[in-house]
All heavy atoms as atom14 arrays in JSON, in Angstrom:
{
  "sequence": "ERGGGRLVRLSAREHDRTTAATQALTHAVVLSFGLALTRLGVDIRT",
  "atom14_mask": [
    [1, 1, 1, 1, 1, 1, 1, 1, 1, 0, 0, 0, 0, 0],
    [1, 1, 1, 1, 1, 1, 1, 1, 1, 1, 1, 0, 0, 0],
    [1, 1, 1, 1, 0, 0, 0, 0, 0, 0, 0, 0, 0, 0],
    [1, 1, 1, 1, 0, 0, 0, 0, 0, 0, 0, 0, 0, 0],
    [1, 1, 1, 1, 0, 0, 0, 0, 0, 0, 0, 0, 0, 0],
    [1, 1, 1, 1, 1, 1, 1, 1, 1, 1, 1, 0, 0, 0],
    [1, 1, 1, 1, 1, 1, 1, 1, 0, 0, 0, 0, 0, 0],
    [1, 1, 1, 1, 1, 1, 1, 0, 0, 0, 0, 0, 0, 0],
    [1, 1, 1, 1, 1, 1, 1, 1, 1, 1, 1, 0, 0, 0],
    [1, 1, 1, 1, 1, 1, 1, 1, 0, 0, 0, 0, 0, 0],
    [1, 1, 1, 1, 1, 1, 0, 0, 0, 0, 0, 0, 0, 0],
    [1, 1, 1, 1, 1, 0, 0, 0, 0, 0, 0, 0, 0, 0],
    [1, 1, 1, 1, 1, 1, 1, 1, 1, 1, 1, 0, 0, 0],
    [1, 1, 1, 1, 1, 1, 1, 1, 1, 0, 0, 0, 0, 0],
    [1, 1, 1, 1, 1, 1, 1, 1, 1, 1, 0, 0, 0, 0],
    [1, 1, 1, 1, 1, 1, 1, 1, 0, 0, 0, 0, 0, 0],
    [1, 1, 1, 1, 1, 1, 1, 1, 1, 1, 1, 0, 0, 0],
    [1, 1, 1, 1, 1, 1, 1, 0, 0, 0, 0, 0, 0, 0],
    [1, 1, 1, 1, 1, 1, 1, 0, 0, 0, 0, 0, 0, 0],
    [1, 1, 1, 1, 1, 0, 0, 0, 0, 0, 0, 0, 0, 0],
    [1, 1, 1, 1, 1, 0, 0, 0, 0, 0, 0, 0, 0, 0],
    [1, 1, 1, 1, 1, 1, 1, 0, 0, 0, 0, 0, 0, 0],
    [1, 1, 1, 1, 1, 1, 1, 1, 1, 0, 0, 0, 0, 0],
    [1, 1, 1, 1, 1, 0, 0, 0, 0, 0, 0, 0, 0, 0],
    [1, 1, 1, 1, 1, 1, 1, 1, 0, 0, 0, 0, 0, 0],
    [1, 1, 1, 1, 1, 1, 1, 0, 0, 0, 0, 0, 0, 0],
    [1, 1, 1, 1, 1, 1, 1, 1, 1, 1, 0, 0, 0, 0],
    [1, 1, 1, 1, 1, 0, 0, 0, 0, 0, 0, 0, 0, 0],
    [1, 1, 1, 1, 1, 1, 1, 0, 0, 0, 0, 0, 0, 0],
    [1, 1, 1, 1, 1, 1, 1, 0, 0, 0, 0, 0, 0, 0],
    [1, 1, 1, 1, 1, 1, 1, 1, 0, 0, 0, 0, 0, 0],
    [1, 1, 1, 1, 1, 1, 0, 0, 0, 0, 0, 0, 0, 0],
    [1, 1, 1, 1, 1, 1, 1, 1, 1, 1, 1, 0, 0, 0],
    [1, 1, 1, 1, 0, 0, 0, 0, 0, 0, 0, 0, 0, 0],
    [1, 1, 1, 1, 1, 1, 1, 1, 0, 0, 0, 0, 0, 0],
    [1, 1, 1, 1, 1, 0, 0, 0, 0, 0, 0, 0, 0, 0],
    [1, 1, 1, 1, 1, 1, 1, 1, 0, 0, 0, 0, 0, 0],
    [1, 1, 1, 1, 1, 1, 1, 0, 0, 0, 0, 0, 0, 0],
    [1, 1, 1, 1, 1, 1, 1, 1, 1, 1, 1, 0, 0, 0],
    [1, 1, 1, 1, 1, 1, 1, 1, 0, 0, 0, 0, 0, 0],
    [1, 1, 1, 1, 0, 0, 0, 0, 0, 0, 0, 0, 0, 0],
    [1, 1, 1, 1, 1, 1, 1, 0, 0, 0, 0, 0, 0, 0],
    [1, 1, 1, 1, 1, 1, 1, 1, 0, 0, 0, 0, 0, 0],
    [1, 1, 1, 1, 1, 1, 1, 1, 0, 0, 0, 0, 0, 0],
    [1, 1, 1, 1, 1, 1, 1, 1, 1, 1, 1, 0, 0, 0],
    [1, 1, 1, 1, 1, 1, 1, 0, 0, 0, 0, 0, 0, 0]
  ],
  "atom14_positions": [
    [[-21.53, -152.02, -28.37], [-22.03, -151.24, -29.5], [-20.89, -150.78, -30.4], [-21.02, -150.8, -31.64], [-22.85, -150.05, -29.01], [-24.19, -150.45, -28.43], [-25.04, -149.26, -28.05], [-24.5, -148.3, -27.44], [-26.25, -149.28, -28.33], [0.0, 0.0, 0.0], [0.0, 0.0, 0.0], [0.0, 0.0, 0.0], [0.0, 0.0, 0.0], [0.0, 0.0, 0.0]],
    [[-19.78, -150.37, -29.81], [-18.62, -149.98, -30.62], [-18.08, -151.15, -31.43], [-17.53, -150.97, -32.52], [-17.52, -149.38, -29.74], [-17.8, -147.99, -29.23], [-16.53, -147.27, -28.82], [-15.82, -147.97, -27.75], [-15.98, -147.74, -26.47], [-16.84, -146.81, -26.07], [-15.28, -148.41, -25.56], [0.0, 0.0, 0.0], [0.0, 0.0, 0.0], [0.0, 0.0, 0.0]],
    [[-18.23, -152.36, -30.87], [-17.8, -153.54, -31.59], [-18.77, -153.96, -32.69], [-18.5, -154.94, -33.39], [0.0, 0.0, 0.0], [0.0, 0.0, 0.0], [0.0, 0.0, 0.0], [0.0, 0.0, 0.0], [0.0, 0.0, 0.0], [0.0, 0.0, 0.0], [0.0, 0.0, 0.0], [0.0, 0.0, 0.0], [0.0, 0.0, 0.0], [0.0, 0.0, 0.0]],
    [[-19.87, -153.24, -32.83], [-20.84, -153.53, -33.89], [-22.06, -154.28, -33.44], [-22.95, -154.56, -34.24], [0.0, 0.0, 0.0], [0.0, 0.0, 0.0], [0.0, 0.0, 0.0], [0.0, 0.0, 0.0], [0.0, 0.0, 0.0], [0.0, 0.0, 0.0], [0.0, 0.0, 0.0], [0.0, 0.0, 0.0], [0.0, 0.0, 0.0], [0.0, 0.0, 0.0]],
    [[-22.11, -154.66, -32.15], [-23.27, -155.4, -31.65], [-24.51, -154.52, -31.59], [-24.42, -153.32, -31.34], [0.0, 0.0, 0.0], [0.0, 0.0, 0.0], [0.0, 0.0, 0.0], [0.0, 0.0, 0.0], [0.0, 0.0, 0.0], [0.0, 0.0, 0.0], [0.0, 0.0, 0.0], [0.0, 0.0, 0.0], [0.0, 0.0, 0.0], [0.0, 0.0, 0.0]],
    [[-25.65, -155.12, -31.82], [-26.94, -154.41, -31.77], [-27.66, -154.8, -30.48], [-28.19, -155.89, -30.37], [-27.78, -154.76, -33.0], [-29.15, -154.11, -33.04], [-29.77, -154.22, -34.43], [-29.81, -155.6, -34.91], [-30.79, -156.46, -34.58], [-31.75, -156.1, -33.75], [-30.77, -157.69, -35.08], [0.0, 0.0, 0.0], [0.0, 0.0, 0.0], [0.0, 0.0, 0.0]],
    [[-27.64, -153.92, -29.51], [-28.19, -154.21, -28.19], [-29.72, -154.23, -28.21], [-30.35, -153.34, -28.79], [-27.72, -153.18, -27.17], [-26.24, -153.23, -26.79], [-25.9, -152.05, -25.87], [-25.89, -154.55, -26.11], [0.0, 0.0, 0.0], [0.0, 0.0, 0.0], [0.0, 0.0, 0.0], [0.0, 0.0, 0.0], [0.0, 0.0, 0.0], [0.0, 0.0, 0.0]],
    [[-30.28, -155.23, -27.55], [-31.72, -155.3, -27.33], [-31.91, -155.42, -25.82], [-31.58, -156.44, -25.23], [-32.36, -156.51, -28.05], [-33.87, -156.52, -27.83], [-32.03, -156.5, -29.53], [0.0, 0.0, 0.0], [0.0, 0.0, 0.0], [0.0, 0.0, 0.0], [0.0, 0.0, 0.0], [0.0, 0.0, 0.0], [0.0, 0.0, 0.0], [0.0, 0.0, 0.0]],
    [[-32.44, -154.39, -25.2], [-32.56, -154.35, -23.74], [-33.89, -154.97, -23.31], [-34.96, -154.59, -23.81], [-32.43, -152.92, -23.24], [-31.12, -152.27, -23.68], [-30.89, -150.95, -22.99], [-29.73, -150.27, -23.56], [-28.88, -149.52, -22.88], [-29.05, -149.38, -21.58], [-27.88, -148.93, -23.46], [0.0, 0.0, 0.0], [0.0, 0.0, 0.0], [0.0, 0.0, 0.0]],
    [[-33.8, -155.9, -22.38], [-34.96, -156.64, -21.9], [-34.87, -156.82, -20.4], [-33.78, -156.77, -19.82], [-35.02, -158.03, -22.56], [-35.08, -158.1, -24.09], [-34.76, -159.52, -24.54], [-36.45, -157.68, -24.58], [0.0, 0.0, 0.0], [0.0, 0.0, 0.0], [0.0, 0.0, 0.0], [0.0, 0.0, 0.0], [0.0, 0.0, 0.0], [0.0, 0.0, 0.0]],
    [[-36.02, -157.06, -19.76], [-35.99, -157.51, -18.38], [-35.67, -159.01, -18.39], [-35.73, -159.67, -19.44], [-37.35, -157.28, -17.72], [-38.32, -158.16, -18.26], [0.0, 0.0, 0.0], [0.0, 0.0, 0.0], [0.0, 0.0, 0.0], [0.0, 0.0, 0.0], [0.0, 0.0, 0.0], [0.0, 0.0, 0.0], [0.0, 0.0, 0.0], [0.0, 0.0, 0.0]],
    [[-35.32, -159.55, -17.22], [-34.99, -160.97, -17.15], [-36.17, -161.83, -17.59], [-36.0, -162.81, -18.33], [-34.58, -161.34, -15.72], [0.0, 0.0, 0.0], [0.0, 0.0, 0.0], [0.0, 0.0, 0.0], [0.0, 0.0, 0.0], [0.0, 0.0, 0.0], [0.0, 0.0, 0.0], [0.0, 0.0, 0.0], [0.0, 0.0, 0.0], [0.0, 0.0, 0.0]],
    [[-37.36, -161.46, -17.16], [-38.54, -162.26, -17.53], [-38.85, -162.13, -19.02], [-39.18, -163.12, -19.68], [-39.74, -161.8, -16.7], [-40.98, -162.66, -16.91], [-42.02, -162.41, -15.84], [-41.53, -162.81, -14.53], [-42.25, -162.75, -13.42], [-43.5, -162.3, -13.46], [-41.73, -163.14, -12.26], [0.0, 0.0, 0.0], [0.0, 0.0, 0.0], [0.0, 0.0, 0.0]],
    [[-38.74, -160.91, -19.55], [-38.96, -160.72, -20.99], [-37.95, -161.54, -21.79], [-38.3, -162.14, -22.82], [-38.81, -159.24, -21.35], [-39.95, -158.35, -20.95], [-39.64, -156.89, -21.23], [-38.46, -156.49, -21.13], [-40.58, -156.16, -21.55], [0.0, 0.0, 0.0], [0.0, 0.0, 0.0], [0.0, 0.0, 0.0], [0.0, 0.0, 0.0], [0.0, 0.0, 0.0]],
    [[-36.71, -161.53, -21.35], [-35.67, -162.28, -22.05], [-36.01, -163.75, -22.14], [-35.98, -164.35, -23.22], [-34.33, -162.1, -21.33], [-33.22, -162.94, -21.89], [-33.07, -164.28, -21.57], [-32.22, -162.64, -22.76], [-32.03, -164.77, -22.21], [-31.48, -163.79, -22.94], [0.0, 0.0, 0.0], [0.0, 0.0, 0.0], [0.0, 0.0, 0.0], [0.0, 0.0, 0.0]],
    [[-36.36, -164.36, -21.0], [-36.6, -165.81, -21.0], [-37.86, -166.17, -21.76], [-37.92, -167.21, -22.42], [-36.66, -166.32, -19.56], [-35.29, -166.31, -18.89], [-34.3, -165.96, -19.57], [-35.22, -166.64, -17.7], [0.0, 0.0, 0.0], [0.0, 0.0, 0.0], [0.0, 0.0, 0.0], [0.0, 0.0, 0.0], [0.0, 0.0, 0.0], [0.0, 0.0, 0.0]],
    [[-38.89, -165.31, -21.68], [-40.1, -165.57, -22.45], [-39.82, -165.47, -23.95], [-40.31, -166.27, -24.75], [-41.2, -164.59, -22.05], [-42.54, -164.87, -22.74], [-43.66, -164.04, -22.14], [-43.42, -162.61, -22.29], [-43.24, -161.78, -21.29], [-43.24, -162.22, -20.04], [-43.05, -160.49, -21.51], [0.0, 0.0, 0.0], [0.0, 0.0, 0.0], [0.0, 0.0, 0.0]],
    [[-39.01, -164.48, -24.33], [-38.69, -164.29, -25.75], [-37.8, -165.41, -26.27], [-38.05, -165.96, -27.36], [-37.99, -162.93, -25.95], [-38.86, -161.88, -25.52], [-37.63, -162.72, -27.42], [0.0, 0.0, 0.0], [0.0, 0.0, 0.0], [0.0, 0.0, 0.0], [0.0, 0.0, 0.0], [0.0, 0.0, 0.0], [0.0, 0.0, 0.0], [0.0, 0.0, 0.0]],
    [[-36.75, -165.77, -25.52], [-35.85, -166.81, -26.01], [-36.5, -168.19, -25.98], [-36.06, -169.09, -26.71], [-34.54, -166.84, -25.21], [-34.84, -166.98, -23.81], [-33.74, -165.56, -25.44], [0.0, 0.0, 0.0], [0.0, 0.0, 0.0], [0.0, 0.0, 0.0], [0.0, 0.0, 0.0], [0.0, 0.0, 0.0], [0.0, 0.0, 0.0], [0.0, 0.0, 0.0]],
    [[-37.54, -168.37, -25.16], [-38.29, -169.63, -25.24], [-38.88, -169.8, -26.63], [-39.01, -170.92, -27.13], [-39.39, -169.66, -24.18], [0.0, 0.0, 0.0], [0.0, 0.0, 0.0], [0.0, 0.0, 0.0], [0.0, 0.0, 0.0], [0.0, 0.0, 0.0], [0.0, 0.0, 0.0], [0.0, 0.0, 0.0], [0.0, 0.0, 0.0], [0.0, 0.0, 0.0]],
    [[-39.24, -168.67, -27.26], [-39.78, -168.72, -28.63], [-38.67, -168.72, -29.68], [-38.67, -169.53, -30.61], [-40.72, -167.54, -28.85], [0.0, 0.0, 0.0], [0.0, 0.0, 0.0], [0.0, 0.0, 0.0], [0.0, 0.0, 0.0], [0.0, 0.0, 0.0], [0.0, 0.0, 0.0], [0.0, 0.0, 0.0], [0.0, 0.0, 0.0], [0.0, 0.0, 0.0]],
    [[-37.7, -167.8, -29.53], [-36.69, -167.66, -30.58], [-35.66, -168.78, -30.59], [-35.08, -169.09, -31.64], [-35.95, -166.31, -30.45], [-35.3, -166.26, -29.17], [-36.92, -165.14, -30.59], [0.0, 0.0, 0.0], [0.0, 0.0, 0.0], [0.0, 0.0, 0.0], [0.0, 0.0, 0.0], [0.0, 0.0, 0.0], [0.0, 0.0, 0.0], [0.0, 0.0, 0.0]],
    [[-35.42, -169.39, -29.43], [-34.41, -170.45, -29.36], [-35.03, -171.81, -29.07], [-34.95, -172.72, -29.9], [-33.37, -170.1, -28.29], [-32.51, -168.91, -28.65], [-31.42, -168.65, -27.62], [-31.65, -168.74, -26.42], [-30.24, -168.31, -28.08], [0.0, 0.0, 0.0], [0.0, 0.0, 0.0], [0.0, 0.0, 0.0], [0.0, 0.0, 0.0], [0.0, 0.0, 0.0]],
    [[-35.67, -171.97, -27.91], [-36.2, -173.3, -27.55], [-37.21, -173.8, -28.57], [-37.15, -174.95, -29.01], [-36.82, -173.24, -26.15], [0.0, 0.0, 0.0], [0.0, 0.0, 0.0], [0.0, 0.0, 0.0], [0.0, 0.0, 0.0], [0.0, 0.0, 0.0], [0.0, 0.0, 0.0], [0.0, 0.0, 0.0], [0.0, 0.0, 0.0], [0.0, 0.0, 0.0]],
    [[-38.17, -172.96, -28.94], [-39.19, -173.37, -29.91], [-38.56, -173.64, -31.28], [-38.85, -174.65, -31.93], [-40.27, -172.3, -30.03], [-41.35, -172.54, -31.09], [-42.12, -173.82, -30.81], [-42.3, -171.35, -31.16], [0.0, 0.0, 0.0], [0.0, 0.0, 0.0], [0.0, 0.0, 0.0], [0.0, 0.0, 0.0], [0.0, 0.0, 0.0], [0.0, 0.0, 0.0]],
    [[-37.69, -172.74, -31.71], [-37.06, -172.89, -33.03], [-36.26, -174.18, -33.12], [-36.38, -174.94, -34.09], [-36.15, -171.69, -33.32], [-36.92, -170.49, -33.28], [-35.49, -171.82, -34.69], [0.0, 0.0, 0.0], [0.0, 0.0, 0.0], [0.0, 0.0, 0.0], [0.0, 0.0, 0.0], [0.0, 0.0, 0.0], [0.0, 0.0, 0.0], [0.0, 0.0, 0.0]],
    [[-35.45, -174.44, -32.11], [-34.64, -175.67, -32.12], [-35.53, -176.91, -32.07], [-35.24, -177.92, -32.73], [-33.67, -175.68, -30.94], [-32.74, -174.51, -30.92], [-32.11, -174.09, -29.77], [-32.34, -173.67, -31.91], [-31.36, -173.04, -30.06], [-31.49, -172.76, -31.34], [0.0, 0.0, 0.0], [0.0, 0.0, 0.0], [0.0, 0.0, 0.0], [0.0, 0.0, 0.0]],
    [[-36.62, -176.84, -31.28], [-37.54, -177.97, -31.21], [-38.18, -178.24, -32.57], [-38.35, -179.4, -32.97], [-38.62, -177.71, -30.16], [0.0, 0.0, 0.0], [0.0, 0.0, 0.0], [0.0, 0.0, 0.0], [0.0, 0.0, 0.0], [0.0, 0.0, 0.0], [0.0, 0.0, 0.0], [0.0, 0.0, 0.0], [0.0, 0.0, 0.0], [0.0, 0.0, 0.0]],
    [[-38.55, -177.19, -33.28], [-39.14, -177.34, -34.62], [-38.15, -178.01, -35.56], [-38.48, -178.98, -36.26], [-39.57, -175.97, -35.18], [-39.9, -176.08, -36.67], [-40.78, -175.44, -34.42], [0.0, 0.0, 0.0], [0.0, 0.0, 0.0], [0.0, 0.0, 0.0], [0.0, 0.0, 0.0], [0.0, 0.0, 0.0], [0.0, 0.0, 0.0], [0.0, 0.0, 0.0]],
    [[-36.93, -177.51, -35.59], [-35.93, -178.01, -36.54], [-35.57, -179.46, -36.25], [-35.53, -180.31, -37.16], [-34.68, -177.11, -36.53], [-33.56, -177.72, -37.37], [-35.02, -175.72, -37.04], [0.0, 0.0, 0.0], [0.0, 0.0, 0.0], [0.0, 0.0, 0.0], [0.0, 0.0, 0.0], [0.0, 0.0, 0.0], [0.0, 0.0, 0.0], [0.0, 0.0, 0.0]],
    [[-35.31, -179.79, -34.98], [-34.93, -181.15, -34.64], [-36.11, -182.12, -34.79], [-35.92, -183.27, -35.2], [-34.38, -181.2, -33.22], [-33.0, -180.54, -33.06], [-32.64, -180.38, -31.59], [-31.93, -181.33, -33.79], [0.0, 0.0, 0.0], [0.0, 0.0, 0.0], [0.0, 0.0, 0.0], [0.0, 0.0, 0.0], [0.0, 0.0, 0.0], [0.0, 0.0, 0.0]],
    [[-37.33, -181.67, -34.49], [-38.51, -182.52, -34.69], [-38.73, -182.8, -36.17], [-39.12, -183.91, -36.56], [-39.74, -181.86, -34.08], [-39.62, -181.74, -32.68], [0.0, 0.0, 0.0], [0.0, 0.0, 0.0], [0.0, 0.0, 0.0], [0.0, 0.0, 0.0], [0.0, 0.0, 0.0], [0.0, 0.0, 0.0], [0.0, 0.0, 0.0], [0.0, 0.0, 0.0]],
    [[-38.48, -181.8, -37.01], [-38.55, -182.0, -38.46], [-37.58, -183.09, -38.89], [-37.92, -184.0, -39.65], [-38.22, -180.67, -39.16], [-37.86, -180.8, -40.6], [-38.82, -181.04, -41.57], [-36.53, -180.66, -41.01], [-38.47, -181.16, -42.92], [-36.17, -180.78, -42.34], [-37.15, -181.03, -43.29], [0.0, 0.0, 0.0], [0.0, 0.0, 0.0], [0.0, 0.0, 0.0]],
    [[-36.35, -183.04, -38.37], [-35.37, -184.07, -38.71], [-35.79, -185.44, -38.23], [-35.66, -186.44, -38.97], [0.0, 0.0, 0.0], [0.0, 0.0, 0.0], [0.0, 0.0, 0.0], [0.0, 0.0, 0.0], [0.0, 0.0, 0.0], [0.0, 0.0, 0.0], [0.0, 0.0, 0.0], [0.0, 0.0, 0.0], [0.0, 0.0, 0.0], [0.0, 0.0, 0.0]],
    [[-36.3, -185.53, -37.0], [-36.76, -186.82, -36.48], [-37.91, -187.37, -37.31], [-37.98, -188.58, -37.56], [-37.2, -186.66, -35.02], [-36.07, -186.46, -33.99], [-36.66, -186.14, -32.63], [-35.19, -187.7, -33.92], [0.0, 0.0, 0.0], [0.0, 0.0, 0.0], [0.0, 0.0, 0.0], [0.0, 0.0, 0.0], [0.0, 0.0, 0.0], [0.0, 0.0, 0.0]],
    [[-38.81, -186.49, -37.75], [-39.93, -186.94, -38.58], [-39.43, -187.53, -39.89], [-39.96, -188.55, -40.37], [-40.88, -185.77, -38.85], [0.0, 0.0, 0.0], [0.0, 0.0, 0.0], [0.0, 0.0, 0.0], [0.0, 0.0, 0.0], [0.0, 0.0, 0.0], [0.0, 0.0, 0.0], [0.0, 0.0, 0.0], [0.0, 0.0, 0.0], [0.0, 0.0, 0.0]],
    [[-38.4, -186.92, -40.48], [-37.85, -187.46, -41.72], [-37.29, -188.86, -41.51], [-37.46, -189.75, -42.35], [-36.74, -186.54, -42.25], [-37.18, -185.19, -42.82], [-35.96, -184.41, -43.29], [-38.16, -185.37, -43.97], [0.0, 0.0, 0.0], [0.0, 0.0, 0.0], [0.0, 0.0, 0.0], [0.0, 0.0, 0.0], [0.0, 0.0, 0.0], [0.0, 0.0, 0.0]],
    [[-36.61, -189.08, -40.37], [-36.05, -190.41, -40.13], [-37.16, -191.45, -39.98], [-36.97, -192.61, -40.35], [-35.16, -190.43, -38.88], [-35.95, -190.18, -37.71], [-34.05, -189.38, -38.98], [0.0, 0.0, 0.0], [0.0, 0.0, 0.0], [0.0, 0.0, 0.0], [0.0, 0.0, 0.0], [0.0, 0.0, 0.0], [0.0, 0.0, 0.0], [0.0, 0.0, 0.0]],
    [[-38.29, -191.06, -39.44], [-39.4, -191.99, -39.25], [-40.18, -192.26, -40.53], [-40.89, -193.26, -40.64], [-40.32, -191.47, -38.14], [-39.73, -191.7, -36.75], [-40.19, -190.65, -35.75], [-39.71, -190.93, -34.4], [-38.46, -190.77, -34.0], [-37.54, -190.37, -34.86], [-38.1, -191.03, -32.75], [0.0, 0.0, 0.0], [0.0, 0.0, 0.0], [0.0, 0.0, 0.0]],
    [[-40.06, -191.38, -41.51], [-40.73, -191.59, -42.79], [-39.98, -192.58, -43.67], [-40.53, -193.07, -44.66], [-40.89, -190.26, -43.53], [-41.92, -189.29, -42.96], [-41.84, -187.95, -43.69], [-43.33, -189.87, -43.08], [0.0, 0.0, 0.0], [0.0, 0.0, 0.0], [0.0, 0.0, 0.0], [0.0, 0.0, 0.0], [0.0, 0.0, 0.0], [0.0, 0.0, 0.0]],
    [[-38.72, -192.83, -43.36], [-37.95, -193.79, -44.13], [-37.56, -193.31, -45.51], [-37.35, -194.13, -46.42], [0.0, 0.0, 0.0], [0.0, 0.0, 0.0], [0.0, 0.0, 0.0], [0.0, 0.0, 0.0], [0.0, 0.0, 0.0], [0.0, 0.0, 0.0], [0.0, 0.0, 0.0], [0.0, 0.0, 0.0], [0.0, 0.0, 0.0], [0.0, 0.0, 0.0]],
    [[-37.47, -192.0, -45.7], [-37.12, -191.47, -47.02], [-35.6, -191.43, -47.17], [-34.86, -191.33, -46.19], [-37.71, -190.06, -47.21], [-39.22, -190.13, -47.38], [-37.36, -189.16, -46.04], [0.0, 0.0, 0.0], [0.0, 0.0, 0.0], [0.0, 0.0, 0.0], [0.0, 0.0, 0.0], [0.0, 0.0, 0.0], [0.0, 0.0, 0.0], [0.0, 0.0, 0.0]],
    [[-35.15, -191.48, -48.42], [-33.72, -191.47, -48.71], [-33.25, -190.02, -48.84], [-33.83, -189.23, -49.58], [-33.46, -192.22, -50.02], [-31.98, -192.21, -50.38], [-31.21, -192.9, -49.7], [-31.63, -191.49, -51.34], [0.0, 0.0, 0.0], [0.0, 0.0, 0.0], [0.0, 0.0, 0.0], [0.0, 0.0, 0.0], [0.0, 0.0, 0.0], [0.0, 0.0, 0.0]],
    [[-32.18, -189.66, -48.12], [-31.73, -188.28, -48.11], [-31.24, -187.84, -49.48], [-31.41, -186.67, -49.87], [-30.6, -188.08, -47.05], [-30.23, -186.6, -46.93], [-29.39, -188.93, -47.37], [-31.36, -185.69, -46.51], [0.0, 0.0, 0.0], [0.0, 0.0, 0.0], [0.0, 0.0, 0.0], [0.0, 0.0, 0.0], [0.0, 0.0, 0.0], [0.0, 0.0, 0.0]],
    [[-30.69, -188.76, -50.27], [-30.23, -188.37, -51.61], [-31.41, -188.03, -52.5], [-31.36, -187.08, -53.29], [-29.4, -189.49, -52.22], [-28.03, -189.68, -51.54], [-27.36, -190.95, -51.98], [-28.14, -192.12, -51.58], [-27.76, -193.37, -51.78], [-26.6, -193.62, -52.38], [-28.51, -194.38, -51.38], [0.0, 0.0, 0.0], [0.0, 0.0, 0.0], [0.0, 0.0, 0.0]],
    [[-32.5, -188.79, -52.36], [-33.69, -188.49, -53.14], [-34.32, -187.18, -52.69], [-34.76, -186.37, -53.5], [-34.72, -189.63, -53.01], [-34.1, -190.86, -53.4], [-35.93, -189.38, -53.87], [0.0, 0.0, 0.0], [0.0, 0.0, 0.0], [0.0, 0.0, 0.0], [0.0, 0.0, 0.0], [0.0, 0.0, 0.0], [0.0, 0.0, 0.0], [0.0, 0.0, 0.0]]
  ]
}
């Protein structure tokens, strides 16, 4: 906290359930979006 960090206190189970949404789900959405673009055959410059 003195270093400026904002602590969020969670139980172990709460943490993993929350990060499944904030990290695993988010990364899956972003990377799936990228994969979908490659399958559409669109030009990145366009």
